[in-house]
Amino acid sequence: MPSYNQQQLAYKIRNANAVSIFIGTQLIGFAQSSSPSIDYGTDTYYGVGSAKPQEIQQLRFTNTITLDQLQLSSEGLAFFGIGTPISYILANNQFDIYLLDGASNEAILAYVGSVASTNSTAVTTNQAISEAFSFQAMDVLDPDGNSLLNSNSALLVNFVASSTSTGTPTVA
């Protein structure tokens, strides 16, 4: 008997069409993009007599995440179960922001203790009104709940490199 013989695609990478963004337990409706960032506060130290760095240290972490979304109308707010525009809720409050894999509902990243730092609105002719919210966070957690800032992933990098390497790299 004939059939379509369809198969679910087995993606090897994530795409934005399969990610949900939550502030606390609230799904952010019509989120357009999310830009997570970790600034490691890297400083380079030099010594007298050499132009080469003597040491590089990561001294302070700054965790930021920016959410871009379309501004919801009163009907849009009601549809997503939000009683107040999010810009009104952000002042003097702290949130956990989650990026979740839409298929497995598994956390990709969690920005813990996030506090809003900026809000900007774009009103452009012939386009939907959009808003960008930037947050600073106290910590960033991986899918297992471990802090990305506490790890010394050099051990992981060395393990992965030793299991995939065929030899010592050479410099030409």
C-alpha atoms as a PDB file:
ATOM      1  CA  MET A   1       0.000   0.000   0.000  1.00  0.00           C
ATOM      2  CA  PRO A   2       1.421   3.437  -0.857  1.00  0.00           C
ATOM      3  CA  SER A   3       2.350   5.860   1.902  1.00  0.00           C
ATOM      4  CA  TYR A   4       4.166   9.129   2.419  1.00  0.00           C
ATOM      5  CA  ASN A   5       6.941   7.370   4.347  1.00  0.00           C
ATOM      6  CA  GLN A   6       7.444  10.482   6.444  1.00  0.00           C
ATOM      7  CA  GLN A   7      10.111  10.657   9.146  1.00  0.00           C
ATOM      8  CA  GLN A   8      10.588  13.181  11.921  1.00  0.00           C
ATOM      9  CA  LEU A   9      13.742  15.177  11.261  1.00  0.00           C
ATOM     10  CA  ALA A  10      16.502  14.514  13.799  1.00  0.00           C
ATOM     11  CA  TYR A  11      18.070  17.929  14.184  1.00  0.00           C
ATOM     12  CA  LYS A  12      21.636  18.096  15.466  1.00  0.00           C
ATOM     13  CA  ILE A  13      21.401  21.754  16.477  1.00  0.00           C
ATOM     14  CA  ARG A  14      18.769  23.792  18.259  1.00  0.00           C
ATOM     15  CA  ASN A  15      16.870  26.478  16.445  1.00  0.00           C
ATOM     16  CA  ALA A  16      14.887  29.418  17.742  1.00  0.00           C
ATOM     17  CA  ASN A  17      11.604  27.939  16.519  1.00  0.00           C
ATOM     18  CA  ALA A  18      11.866  25.302  19.246  1.00  0.00           C
ATOM     19  CA  VAL A  19      12.770  27.522  22.222  1.00  0.00           C
ATOM     20  CA  SER A  20      10.433  29.036  24.799  1.00  0.00           C
ATOM     21  CA  ILE A  21      11.343  32.050  26.938  1.00  0.00           C
ATOM     22  CA  PHE A  22       9.966  32.366  30.458  1.00  0.00           C
ATOM     23  CA  ILE A  23      10.317  35.090  33.063  1.00  0.00           C
ATOM     24  CA  GLY A  24       9.581  33.177  36.247  1.00  0.00           C
ATOM     25  CA  THR A  25       6.728  30.885  35.265  1.00  0.00           C
ATOM     26  CA  GLN A  26       5.271  33.307  32.700  1.00  0.00           C
ATOM     27  CA  LEU A  27       5.753  32.499  29.010  1.00  0.00           C
ATOM     28  CA  ILE A  28       6.783  35.679  27.195  1.00  0.00           C
ATOM     29  CA  GLY A  29       4.358  36.030  24.305  1.00  0.00           C
ATOM     30  CA  PHE A  30       5.662  37.004  20.902  1.00  0.00           C
ATOM     31  CA  ALA A  31       9.293  37.064  22.014  1.00  0.00           C
ATOM     32  CA  GLN A  32      11.376  37.793  18.938  1.00  0.00           C
ATOM     33  CA  SER A  33      14.842  37.055  20.247  1.00  0.00           C
ATOM     34  CA  SER A  34      16.928  36.535  23.320  1.00  0.00           C
ATOM     35  CA  SER A  35      20.576  37.497  23.605  1.00  0.00           C
ATOM     36  CA  PRO A  36      22.255  35.916  26.627  1.00  0.00           C
ATOM     37  CA  SER A  37      25.770  37.104  27.419  1.00  0.00           C
ATOM     38  CA  ILE A  38      28.481  36.504  30.013  1.00  0.00           C
ATOM     39  CA  ASP A  39      31.265  39.062  30.333  1.00  0.00           C
ATOM     40  CA  TYR A  40      34.137  37.376  32.149  1.00  0.00           C
ATOM     41  CA  GLY A  41      35.775  40.656  33.168  1.00  0.00           C
ATOM     42  CA  THR A  42      39.079  39.564  31.751  1.00  0.00           C
ATOM     43  CA  ASP A  43      42.059  41.793  32.576  1.00  0.00           C
ATOM     44  CA  THR A  44      45.524  41.455  31.116  1.00  0.00           C
ATOM     45  CA  TYR A  45      48.556  42.189  33.283  1.00  0.00           C
ATOM     46  CA  TYR A  46      51.927  43.265  31.974  1.00  0.00           C
ATOM     47  CA  GLY A  47      55.335  43.443  33.588  1.00  0.00           C
ATOM     48  CA  VAL A  48      58.188  45.871  33.089  1.00  0.00           C
ATOM     49  CA  GLY A  49      60.580  44.760  30.361  1.00  0.00           C
ATOM     50  CA  SER A  50      58.159  42.840  28.105  1.00  0.00           C
ATOM     51  CA  ALA A  51      55.342  43.807  25.781  1.00  0.00           C
ATOM     52  CA  LYS A  52      53.840  40.337  26.210  1.00  0.00           C
ATOM     53  CA  PRO A  53      51.125  39.740  28.801  1.00  0.00           C
ATOM     54  CA  GLN A  54      52.448  38.169  31.992  1.00  0.00           C
ATOM     55  CA  GLU A  55      49.053  36.960  33.188  1.00  0.00           C
ATOM     56  CA  ILE A  56      45.380  37.093  32.234  1.00  0.00           C
ATOM     57  CA  GLN A  57      42.774  36.924  34.984  1.00  0.00           C
ATOM     58  CA  GLN A  58      39.003  36.695  35.000  1.00  0.00           C
ATOM     59  CA  LEU A  59      38.160  39.026  37.852  1.00  0.00           C
ATOM     60  CA  ARG A  60      34.454  39.766  37.650  1.00  0.00           C
ATOM     61  CA  PHE A  61      31.487  38.272  35.841  1.00  0.00           C
ATOM     62  CA  THR A  62      28.652  40.316  34.384  1.00  0.00           C
ATOM     63  CA  ASN A  63      25.711  38.219  33.258  1.00  0.00           C
ATOM     64  CA  THR A  64      23.256  39.937  30.955  1.00  0.00           C
ATOM     65  CA  ILE A  65      20.304  38.816  28.924  1.00  0.00           C
ATOM     66  CA  THR A  66      18.238  40.916  26.541  1.00  0.00           C
ATOM     67  CA  LEU A  67      14.720  39.946  25.477  1.00  0.00           C
ATOM     68  CA  ASP A  68      13.178  41.467  22.360  1.00  0.00           C
ATOM     69  CA  GLN A  69       9.467  41.068  21.930  1.00  0.00           C
ATOM     70  CA  LEU A  70       6.481  42.532  20.181  1.00  0.00           C
ATOM     71  CA  GLN A  71       4.468  44.830  22.415  1.00  0.00           C
ATOM     72  CA  LEU A  72       1.201  43.132  23.365  1.00  0.00           C
ATOM     73  CA  SER A  73      -2.176  44.837  23.089  1.00  0.00           C
ATOM     74  CA  SER A  74      -4.746  44.468  25.880  1.00  0.00           C
ATOM     75  CA  GLU A  75      -6.142  41.438  23.997  1.00  0.00           C
ATOM     76  CA  GLY A  76      -2.632  39.965  23.725  1.00  0.00           C
ATOM     77  CA  LEU A  77      -2.035  40.482  27.444  1.00  0.00           C
ATOM     78  CA  ALA A  78      -5.329  38.732  28.226  1.00  0.00           C
ATOM     79  CA  PHE A  79      -4.500  35.848  25.860  1.00  0.00           C
ATOM     80  CA  PHE A  80      -1.218  35.154  27.682  1.00  0.00           C
ATOM     81  CA  GLY A  81      -2.819  35.642  31.097  1.00  0.00           C
ATOM     82  CA  ILE A  82      -0.857  38.791  31.896  1.00  0.00           C
ATOM     83  CA  GLY A  83      -2.859  41.492  33.647  1.00  0.00           C
ATOM     84  CA  THR A  84      -0.301  44.280  33.302  1.00  0.00           C
ATOM     85  CA  PRO A  85       2.273  45.188  30.632  1.00  0.00           C
ATOM     86  CA  ILE A  86       5.592  43.617  31.557  1.00  0.00           C
ATOM     87  CA  SER A  87       7.377  46.973  31.650  1.00  0.00           C
ATOM     88  CA  TYR A  88       5.221  47.885  34.691  1.00  0.00           C
ATOM     89  CA  ILE A  89       6.154  44.661  36.496  1.00  0.00           C
ATOM     90  CA  LEU A  90       9.926  44.918  36.039  1.00  0.00           C
ATOM     91  CA  ALA A  91      10.638  47.850  38.372  1.00  0.00           C
ATOM     92  CA  ASN A  92      12.116  46.828  41.739  1.00  0.00           C
ATOM     93  CA  ASN A  93      11.598  43.108  41.151  1.00  0.00           C
ATOM     94  CA  GLN A  94      13.951  40.182  40.645  1.00  0.00           C
ATOM     95  CA  PHE A  95      13.230  37.271  38.286  1.00  0.00           C
ATOM     96  CA  ASP A  96      14.630  33.991  37.035  1.00  0.00           C
ATOM     97  CA  ILE A  97      14.691  33.876  33.230  1.00  0.00           C
ATOM     98  CA  TYR A  98      14.620  30.497  31.497  1.00  0.00           C
ATOM     99  CA  LEU A  99      15.363  29.486  27.935  1.00  0.00           C
ATOM    100  CA  LEU A 100      13.640  26.122  27.463  1.00  0.00           C
ATOM    101  CA  ASP A 101      13.887  23.598  24.662  1.00  0.00           C
ATOM    102  CA  GLY A 102      10.353  23.528  23.277  1.00  0.00           C
ATOM    103  CA  ALA A 103      10.474  19.824  22.399  1.00  0.00           C
ATOM    104  CA  SER A 104      11.793  18.430  25.695  1.00  0.00           C
ATOM    105  CA  ASN A 105      10.852  21.344  28.007  1.00  0.00           C
ATOM    106  CA  GLU A 106      14.439  21.054  29.284  1.00  0.00           C
ATOM    107  CA  ALA A 107      16.297  24.172  30.397  1.00  0.00           C
ATOM    108  CA  ILE A 108      18.972  25.423  28.011  1.00  0.00           C
ATOM    109  CA  LEU A 109      20.084  28.239  30.300  1.00  0.00           C
ATOM    110  CA  ALA A 110      18.665  29.866  33.421  1.00  0.00           C
ATOM    111  CA  TYR A 111      19.576  33.430  34.371  1.00  0.00           C
ATOM    112  CA  VAL A 112      19.012  33.515  38.135  1.00  0.00           C
ATOM    113  CA  GLY A 113      18.259  36.646  40.148  1.00  0.00           C
ATOM    114  CA  SER A 114      17.745  38.819  37.064  1.00  0.00           C
ATOM    115  CA  VAL A 115      17.018  42.505  37.581  1.00  0.00           C
ATOM    116  CA  ALA A 116      15.875  44.758  34.730  1.00  0.00           C
ATOM    117  CA  SER A 117      18.457  47.352  33.757  1.00  0.00           C
ATOM    118  CA  THR A 118      17.014  48.927  30.600  1.00  0.00           C
ATOM    119  CA  ASN A 119      13.817  48.989  28.590  1.00  0.00           C
ATOM    120  CA  SER A 120      13.548  50.469  25.132  1.00  0.00           C
ATOM    121  CA  THR A 121      10.631  50.675  22.745  1.00  0.00           C
ATOM    122  CA  ALA A 122      10.865  50.888  18.956  1.00  0.00           C
ATOM    123  CA  VAL A 123       7.975  52.607  17.191  1.00  0.00           C
ATOM    124  CA  THR A 124       8.674  52.241  13.472  1.00  0.00           C
ATOM    125  CA  THR A 125       6.413  53.156  10.577  1.00  0.00           C
ATOM    126  CA  ASN A 126       4.545  50.191   9.069  1.00  0.00           C
ATOM    127  CA  GLN A 127       5.906  47.725  11.634  1.00  0.00           C
ATOM    128  CA  ALA A 128       4.731  46.250  14.900  1.00  0.00           C
ATOM    129  CA  ILE A 129       5.871  48.049  18.050  1.00  0.00           C
ATOM    130  CA  SER A 130       8.657  46.120  19.748  1.00  0.00           C
ATOM    131  CA  GLU A 131      10.309  46.320  23.147  1.00  0.00           C
ATOM    132  CA  ALA A 132      13.757  45.293  24.337  1.00  0.00           C
ATOM    133  CA  PHE A 133      14.354  44.474  27.998  1.00  0.00           C
ATOM    134  CA  SER A 134      17.901  44.041  29.300  1.00  0.00           C
ATOM    135  CA  PHE A 135      18.583  42.301  32.592  1.00  0.00           C
ATOM    136  CA  GLN A 136      21.629  41.708  34.749  1.00  0.00           C
ATOM    137  CA  ALA A 137      21.664  38.363  36.532  1.00  0.00           C
ATOM    138  CA  MET A 138      23.367  37.039  39.645  1.00  0.00           C
ATOM    139  CA  ASP A 139      24.200  33.657  38.084  1.00  0.00           C
ATOM    140  CA  VAL A 140      23.792  31.519  34.966  1.00  0.00           C
ATOM    141  CA  LEU A 141      22.847  27.847  35.324  1.00  0.00           C
ATOM    142  CA  ASP A 142      23.264  24.966  32.882  1.00  0.00           C
ATOM    143  CA  PRO A 143      20.534  22.345  32.244  1.00  0.00           C
ATOM    144  CA  ASP A 144      21.646  20.406  35.353  1.00  0.00           C
ATOM    145  CA  GLY A 145      21.370  23.472  37.609  1.00  0.00           C
ATOM    146  CA  ASN A 146      25.126  23.969  37.887  1.00  0.00           C
ATOM    147  CA  SER A 147      26.572  27.463  37.757  1.00  0.00           C
ATOM    148  CA  LEU A 148      28.515  28.199  34.592  1.00  0.00           C
ATOM    149  CA  LEU A 149      30.562  30.652  36.635  1.00  0.00           C
ATOM    150  CA  ASN A 150      31.745  28.162  39.282  1.00  0.00           C
ATOM    151  CA  SER A 151      33.076  25.547  36.915  1.00  0.00           C
ATOM    152  CA  ASN A 152      36.593  24.979  35.813  1.00  0.00           C
ATOM    153  CA  SER A 153      35.681  23.539  32.452  1.00  0.00           C
ATOM    154  CA  ALA A 154      39.348  23.121  31.523  1.00  0.00           C
ATOM    155  CA  LEU A 155      38.964  19.572  32.859  1.00  0.00           C
ATOM    156  CA  LEU A 156      36.061  18.966  30.468  1.00  0.00           C
ATOM    157  CA  VAL A 157      37.927  20.552  27.553  1.00  0.00           C
ATOM    158  CA  ASN A 158      40.973  18.372  28.250  1.00  0.00           C
ATOM    159  CA  PHE A 159      38.779  15.253  28.436  1.00  0.00           C
ATOM    160  CA  VAL A 160      36.986  16.041  25.169  1.00  0.00           C
ATOM    161  CA  ALA A 161      40.260  16.932  23.439  1.00  0.00           C
ATOM    162  CA  SER A 162      41.954  13.723  24.584  1.00  0.00           C
ATOM    163  CA  SER A 163      39.026  11.574  23.463  1.00  0.00           C
ATOM    164  CA  THR A 164      38.825  13.135  19.983  1.00  0.00           C
ATOM    165  CA  SER A 165      42.439  14.017  19.254  1.00  0.00           C
ATOM    166  CA  THR A 166      44.697  11.915  17.086  1.00  0.00           C
ATOM    167  CA  GLY A 167      47.857  13.511  18.366  1.00  0.00           C
ATOM    168  CA  THR A 168      49.500  16.687  19.570  1.00  0.00           C
ATOM    169  CA  PRO A 169      48.796  19.749  17.435  1.00  0.00           C
ATOM    170  CA  THR A 170      51.832  21.238  15.771  1.00  0.00           C
ATOM    171  CA  VAL A 171      52.559  24.861  15.017  1.00  0.00           C
ATOM    172  CA  ALA A 172      53.969  25.532  11.576  1.00  0.00           C
END
